[in-house]
């Protein structure tokens, strides 16, 4: 069952003090955690198995030298969690990471009140939300239309898979809220079939590593 936009109040600084204000969640279909790590250019044998709290401590400790991540299998997908990282919404990373499959990611940074959302299929962006620009596609006269100027990395396919979710989010029944307050979770669930829950985050064991920051 798809959740509603206001079902994610549990994702708060009170419960997730290290994550809620600066996170990136990335889902990649059909990969194992080890395969995702390898695609990021990291050797699985150089990674460790950690809890969410340990991932947060590792990320904060290594913040100035690398972008840290934790990866865990969720059904047919792998979920990558970043504390204060943005690999999942960086096109130089997520376009090749999506090769031959689907990638869905969303990012929020509370200092800048910055939201991003990406849906990428095999290196082509199908749909996105960009900070200060809004949604790449939206519902107009009952049809999904491109809101952004066409770009080189965009797919020519209209993201009709999200049409019903867009209608729900644009209906009078839903307040006009920022993506991280619910819509990003709802869109990701529509595309992956995975409901983000406190239990998923808190009880998972993550394959943890890092990608060196550019010099």
Protein backbone atom coordinates (compact mmCIF):
# COMPACT_ATOMS: atom_id res chain seq x y z
CA UNK A 1 0.00 0.00 0.00
CA UNK A 2 1.31 3.43 -0.94
CA UNK A 3 1.55 5.77 2.02
CA UNK A 4 0.38 9.38 2.14
CA UNK A 5 2.54 12.48 2.31
CA UNK A 6 1.87 13.07 6.00
CA UNK A 7 2.85 9.56 7.07
CA UNK A 8 6.53 10.43 7.45
CA UNK A 9 6.48 12.62 10.55
CA UNK A 10 8.47 9.85 12.26
CA UNK A 11 11.49 10.91 10.19
CA UNK A 12 12.45 13.72 12.51
CA UNK A 13 15.51 15.13 14.27
CA UNK A 14 14.13 13.80 17.55
CA UNK A 15 14.32 10.19 16.34
CA UNK A 16 17.12 10.50 13.75
CA UNK A 17 19.27 13.41 14.97
CA UNK A 18 22.23 12.59 12.70
CA UNK A 19 20.22 11.77 9.58
CA UNK A 20 16.97 13.70 9.25
CA UNK A 21 18.60 17.07 8.59
CA UNK A 22 21.15 15.89 6.02
CA UNK A 23 20.42 12.65 4.21
CA UNK A 24 20.40 10.92 0.87
CA UNK A 25 18.47 7.70 0.18
CA UNK A 26 19.25 5.85 -3.05
CA UNK A 27 17.58 2.70 -4.36
CA UNK A 28 19.08 0.65 -7.21
CA UNK A 29 17.17 -2.30 -8.62
CA UNK A 30 18.74 -5.71 -9.17
CA UNK A 31 22.09 -5.08 -7.48
CA UNK A 32 23.54 -6.54 -4.32
CA UNK A 33 25.21 -4.31 -1.76
CA UNK A 34 28.58 -5.61 -2.94
CA UNK A 35 27.77 -4.85 -6.59
CA UNK A 36 26.70 -1.30 -5.71
CA UNK A 37 29.91 -0.74 -3.77
CA UNK A 38 31.94 -2.03 -6.71
CA UNK A 39 30.13 0.32 -9.12
CA UNK A 40 31.12 3.19 -6.84
CA UNK A 41 34.77 2.19 -7.29
CA UNK A 42 35.15 0.76 -3.79
CA UNK A 43 36.34 -2.77 -2.97
CA UNK A 44 33.78 -4.66 -0.84
CA UNK A 45 36.60 -6.18 1.20
CA UNK A 46 37.57 -2.66 2.28
CA UNK A 47 34.10 -2.07 3.73
CA UNK A 48 32.72 -2.97 7.14
CA UNK A 49 29.31 -4.02 8.47
CA UNK A 50 27.72 -1.36 10.66
CA UNK A 51 24.49 -0.21 12.30
CA UNK A 52 22.84 3.09 11.41
CA UNK A 53 24.36 4.81 14.45
CA UNK A 54 27.80 3.47 13.52
CA UNK A 55 27.30 4.67 9.95
CA UNK A 56 26.49 8.17 11.24
CA UNK A 57 29.61 8.24 13.42
CA UNK A 58 31.77 6.95 10.56
CA UNK A 59 30.33 9.55 8.17
CA UNK A 60 30.91 12.43 10.57
CA UNK A 61 34.43 11.29 11.42
CA UNK A 62 35.42 11.06 7.73
CA UNK A 63 33.35 13.99 6.41
CA UNK A 64 36.27 16.12 5.20
CA UNK A 65 38.04 13.37 3.25
CA UNK A 66 35.28 11.23 1.75
CA UNK A 67 31.58 10.76 1.07
CA UNK A 68 30.54 7.85 3.23
CA UNK A 69 27.66 5.46 2.58
CA UNK A 70 25.98 2.33 3.85
CA UNK A 71 24.31 -0.20 1.56
CA UNK A 72 21.77 -2.91 2.40
CA UNK A 73 19.64 -5.29 0.31
CA UNK A 74 15.89 -4.65 0.42
CA UNK A 75 14.04 -7.25 -1.64
CA UNK A 76 15.15 -6.96 -5.27
CA UNK A 77 16.78 -3.58 -4.57
CA UNK A 78 19.76 -2.23 -2.72
CA UNK A 79 19.30 0.83 -0.52
CA UNK A 80 22.20 3.23 -0.06
CA UNK A 81 21.97 5.52 2.96
CA UNK A 82 24.17 8.60 3.24
CA UNK A 83 24.49 10.78 6.31
CA UNK A 84 25.38 14.26 5.08
CA UNK A 85 26.24 12.91 1.61
CA UNK A 86 24.96 13.40 -1.92
CA UNK A 87 26.40 10.64 -4.10
CA UNK A 88 22.89 9.46 -4.95
CA UNK A 89 21.83 12.78 -6.51
CA UNK A 90 25.14 13.61 -8.20
CA UNK A 91 24.72 12.95 -11.91
CA UNK A 92 28.39 12.02 -12.41
CA UNK A 93 27.69 9.20 -9.96
CA UNK A 94 24.06 8.18 -10.36
CA UNK A 95 23.90 8.08 -14.16
CA UNK A 96 26.60 5.37 -14.46
CA UNK A 97 25.34 3.71 -11.27
CA UNK A 98 21.98 3.20 -13.02
CA UNK A 99 23.51 1.36 -16.00
CA UNK A 100 21.14 -1.37 -17.14
CA UNK A 101 18.68 -0.75 -14.33
CA UNK A 102 16.60 1.78 -12.38
CA UNK A 103 17.86 4.21 -9.74
CA UNK A 104 15.70 6.36 -7.49
CA UNK A 105 17.22 8.82 -5.03
CA UNK A 106 16.26 11.74 -2.84
CA UNK A 107 18.32 14.18 -0.82
CA UNK A 108 17.69 16.90 1.76
CA UNK A 109 19.97 19.39 3.52
CA UNK A 110 18.25 21.50 6.15
CA UNK A 111 20.94 24.22 6.33
CA UNK A 112 20.02 25.34 2.81
CA UNK A 113 16.50 23.87 2.90
CA UNK A 114 17.67 22.00 -0.19
CA UNK A 115 15.70 19.14 -1.82
CA UNK A 116 16.62 16.92 -4.78
CA UNK A 117 14.92 13.87 -6.26
CA UNK A 118 16.11 11.69 -9.17
CA UNK A 119 14.56 8.83 -11.10
CA UNK A 120 17.12 7.47 -13.60
CA UNK A 121 16.70 4.51 -15.96
CA UNK A 122 19.87 3.18 -17.59
CA UNK A 123 21.70 6.52 -17.60
CA UNK A 124 18.73 8.69 -18.58
CA UNK A 125 16.83 10.96 -16.20
CA UNK A 126 13.12 10.17 -16.28
CA UNK A 127 12.01 12.59 -13.56
CA UNK A 128 13.58 14.92 -11.02
CA UNK A 129 13.03 17.64 -8.47
CA UNK A 130 15.79 20.27 -8.42
CA UNK A 131 16.37 22.79 -5.67
CA UNK A 132 15.03 26.26 -6.62
CA UNK A 133 13.70 24.89 -9.93
CA UNK A 134 10.96 22.48 -8.90
CA UNK A 135 9.68 19.33 -10.59
CA UNK A 136 10.86 18.42 -14.09
CA UNK A 137 7.38 17.14 -15.00
CA UNK A 138 3.93 17.80 -13.60
CA UNK A 139 0.25 17.28 -14.31
CA UNK A 140 -1.47 19.81 -16.55
CA UNK A 141 -4.96 19.28 -17.96
CA UNK A 142 -4.76 15.68 -16.82
CA UNK A 143 -1.50 14.93 -18.66
CA UNK A 144 2.11 14.66 -17.55
CA UNK A 145 4.09 17.48 -19.14
CA UNK A 146 7.76 18.46 -19.13
CA UNK A 147 8.32 21.63 -17.09
CA UNK A 148 12.07 22.01 -17.67
CA UNK A 149 13.81 22.78 -20.99
CA UNK A 150 14.92 19.49 -22.64
CA UNK A 151 18.36 18.42 -21.46
CA UNK A 152 20.98 16.06 -22.85
CA UNK A 153 20.68 13.50 -20.04
CA UNK A 154 16.87 13.40 -20.11
CA UNK A 155 14.90 10.44 -21.39
CA UNK A 156 12.38 11.15 -24.14
CA UNK A 157 9.87 8.93 -22.33
CA UNK A 158 7.20 10.70 -20.31
CA UNK A 159 7.19 9.48 -16.69
CA UNK A 160 3.57 8.32 -16.82
CA UNK A 161 4.29 5.82 -14.05
CA UNK A 162 4.11 8.74 -11.63
CA UNK A 163 0.94 10.29 -13.05
CA UNK A 164 -1.41 9.10 -10.31
CA UNK A 165 1.05 10.12 -7.58
CA UNK A 166 1.39 13.58 -9.15
CA UNK A 167 -2.40 13.92 -9.22
CA UNK A 168 -2.60 13.01 -5.55
CA UNK A 169 0.13 15.46 -4.59
CA UNK A 170 -1.42 18.28 -6.59
CA UNK A 171 -4.97 17.72 -5.31
CA UNK A 172 -6.60 20.08 -2.78
CA UNK A 173 -6.48 17.26 -0.22
CA UNK A 174 -2.71 17.65 0.06
CA UNK A 175 -0.97 20.75 1.40
CA UNK A 176 1.79 22.32 -0.70
CA UNK A 177 4.73 20.88 1.25
CA UNK A 178 8.40 20.49 0.43
CA UNK A 179 9.52 17.15 -1.08
CA UNK A 180 11.39 15.99 2.05
CA UNK A 181 8.21 16.42 4.13
CA UNK A 182 6.54 13.53 2.33
CA UNK A 183 6.38 13.76 -1.48
CA UNK A 184 9.91 12.38 -2.02
CA UNK A 185 9.09 9.32 0.09
CA UNK A 186 5.80 8.86 -1.73
CA UNK A 187 7.39 9.15 -5.19
CA UNK A 188 10.20 6.75 -4.24
CA UNK A 189 7.71 4.21 -2.93
CA UNK A 190 5.68 4.43 -6.14
CA UNK A 191 8.78 3.70 -8.23
CA UNK A 192 10.36 1.01 -6.03
CA UNK A 193 7.50 -0.57 -4.12
CA UNK A 194 9.53 -0.08 -0.92
CA UNK A 195 8.00 1.72 2.05
CA UNK A 196 10.61 3.59 4.06
CA UNK A 197 10.06 2.89 7.75
CA UNK A 198 11.91 3.49 11.03
CA UNK A 199 12.40 -0.25 11.37
CA UNK A 200 14.06 -0.50 7.96
CA UNK A 201 16.56 2.20 8.86
CA UNK A 202 17.20 1.21 12.46
CA UNK A 203 17.36 -2.58 12.17
CA UNK A 204 19.41 -2.93 8.98
CA UNK A 205 23.09 -3.82 8.91
CA UNK A 206 24.90 -1.75 6.30
CA UNK A 207 27.94 -2.44 4.14
CA UNK A 208 29.84 0.76 4.89
CA UNK A 209 32.55 2.50 2.87
CA UNK A 210 33.43 5.80 1.29
CA UNK A 211 34.31 7.57 -1.95
CA UNK A 212 37.18 10.04 -1.70
CA UNK A 213 36.25 13.72 -2.04
CA UNK A 214 37.63 15.43 -5.15
CA UNK A 215 40.87 17.26 -4.42
